[in-house]
Amino acid sequence: MCKVFAGQDPEGYRQINRSIRIAGHSTSIQLEKTFWELLDEIAAGQGLTTPKFISKLYDEAIEINGEIPNFASMLRTTCALYLRGHRPGDADIRALHSEAA
């Protein structure tokens, strides 16, 4: 069993920095390549660019929780939730696009 995990391609856990604008401020987020690929997939599924998705996620999390102690960790757990089958409904996606318009 461990060979499945231990034998994975090291490229998947290579650290990648991306510069993103969140709440009007430019910031850099460092995640493993696999997480960036998942975030790209999640964003595309909602018809958004990855930076727009991340910015929207940040704004909504601040609105709900008031603060985010570790945003990179939140992005990783977002990917885990996505892989476990948690997806926004069609109504959520329509609302997101009407807000953006």
Protein backbone atom coordinates (compact mmCIF):
# COMPACT_ATOMS: atom_id res chain seq x y z
CA MET A 1 0.00 0.00 0.00
CA CYS A 2 2.70 2.53 0.90
CA LYS A 3 4.33 2.07 -2.51
CA VAL A 4 1.35 3.81 -4.07
CA PHE A 5 2.07 6.90 -1.98
CA ALA A 6 5.84 6.60 -1.61
CA GLY A 7 6.34 5.96 -5.31
CA GLN A 8 4.49 9.02 -6.50
CA ASP A 9 6.13 11.39 -8.96
CA PRO A 10 8.05 14.08 -7.02
CA GLU A 11 6.82 16.64 -9.56
CA GLY A 12 3.39 16.46 -7.90
CA TYR A 13 4.69 17.80 -4.59
CA ARG A 14 7.04 20.40 -6.04
CA GLN A 15 6.35 23.80 -4.45
CA ILE A 16 5.00 26.48 -6.78
CA ASN A 17 4.47 30.16 -5.91
CA ARG A 18 1.75 32.14 -7.63
CA SER A 19 1.09 35.84 -7.23
CA ILE A 20 -2.59 36.59 -6.73
CA ARG A 21 -4.58 39.70 -5.90
CA ILE A 22 -6.78 39.18 -2.83
CA ALA A 23 -8.87 41.91 -1.23
CA GLY A 24 -7.07 44.52 -3.30
CA HIS A 25 -3.60 43.38 -2.23
CA SER A 26 -1.03 41.46 -4.20
CA THR A 27 0.16 38.36 -2.37
CA SER A 28 2.09 35.20 -3.08
CA ILE A 29 0.74 31.75 -2.28
CA GLN A 30 2.94 28.67 -2.20
CA LEU A 31 1.32 25.29 -2.74
CA GLU A 32 2.33 21.96 -4.16
CA LYS A 33 1.77 21.49 -7.90
CA THR A 34 -0.99 18.94 -7.30
CA PHE A 35 -3.00 21.44 -5.25
CA TRP A 36 -2.63 24.12 -7.92
CA GLU A 37 -3.90 21.65 -10.52
CA LEU A 38 -6.92 20.84 -8.34
CA LEU A 39 -7.66 24.53 -7.74
CA ASP A 40 -7.46 25.12 -11.51
CA GLU A 41 -9.98 22.29 -11.99
CA ILE A 42 -12.33 23.60 -9.29
CA ALA A 43 -12.20 27.13 -10.72
CA ALA A 44 -12.80 25.93 -14.29
CA GLY A 45 -15.80 23.93 -13.09
CA GLN A 46 -17.29 27.16 -11.83
CA GLY A 47 -16.44 29.10 -14.96
CA LEU A 48 -13.81 31.21 -13.18
CA THR A 49 -10.11 31.77 -13.47
CA THR A 50 -8.11 30.37 -10.58
CA PRO A 51 -7.20 33.83 -9.22
CA LYS A 52 -10.86 34.92 -9.36
CA PHE A 53 -11.96 31.70 -7.62
CA ILE A 54 -9.35 32.11 -4.87
CA SER A 55 -10.25 35.76 -4.35
CA LYS A 56 -13.97 34.92 -4.13
CA LEU A 57 -13.25 32.05 -1.73
CA TYR A 58 -11.22 34.39 0.48
CA ASP A 59 -13.96 37.03 0.54
CA GLU A 60 -16.65 34.49 1.42
CA ALA A 61 -14.52 32.85 4.14
CA ILE A 62 -13.82 36.23 5.74
CA GLU A 63 -17.54 37.04 5.61
CA ILE A 64 -18.46 33.71 7.26
CA ASN A 65 -15.57 33.25 9.72
CA GLY A 66 -14.18 36.74 10.22
CA GLU A 67 -10.59 35.60 9.75
CA ILE A 68 -8.47 32.94 8.09
CA PRO A 69 -5.50 31.91 10.24
CA ASN A 70 -3.76 29.98 7.44
CA PHE A 71 -5.09 30.59 3.94
CA ALA A 72 -2.75 28.11 2.21
CA SER A 73 -4.03 25.38 4.54
CA MET A 74 -7.59 26.41 3.75
CA LEU A 75 -6.84 26.03 0.04
CA ARG A 76 -5.45 22.53 0.65
CA THR A 77 -8.53 21.49 2.64
CA THR A 78 -10.72 22.99 -0.10
CA CYS A 79 -9.04 20.55 -2.47
CA ALA A 80 -9.63 17.68 -0.02
CA LEU A 81 -13.33 18.57 0.25
CA TYR A 82 -13.53 18.70 -3.55
CA LEU A 83 -11.94 15.26 -3.85
CA ARG A 84 -14.43 13.92 -1.29
CA GLY A 85 -17.24 15.01 -3.58
CA HIS A 86 -18.28 18.34 -2.07
CA ARG A 87 -19.33 20.56 -4.98
CA PRO A 88 -21.30 23.78 -5.25
CA GLY A 89 -24.79 23.34 -6.66
CA ASP A 90 -25.99 24.86 -9.91
CA ALA A 91 -27.79 27.62 -7.96
CA ASP A 92 -24.53 28.53 -6.19
CA ILE A 93 -22.69 28.79 -9.52
CA ARG A 94 -25.47 30.90 -11.07
CA ALA A 95 -25.39 33.24 -8.06
CA LEU A 96 -21.63 33.53 -8.36
CA HIS A 97 -21.89 34.56 -12.01
CA SER A 98 -24.68 37.05 -11.38
CA GLU A 99 -22.54 38.71 -8.67
CA ALA A 100 -19.63 38.95 -11.09
CA ALA A 101 -21.77 40.59 -13.78
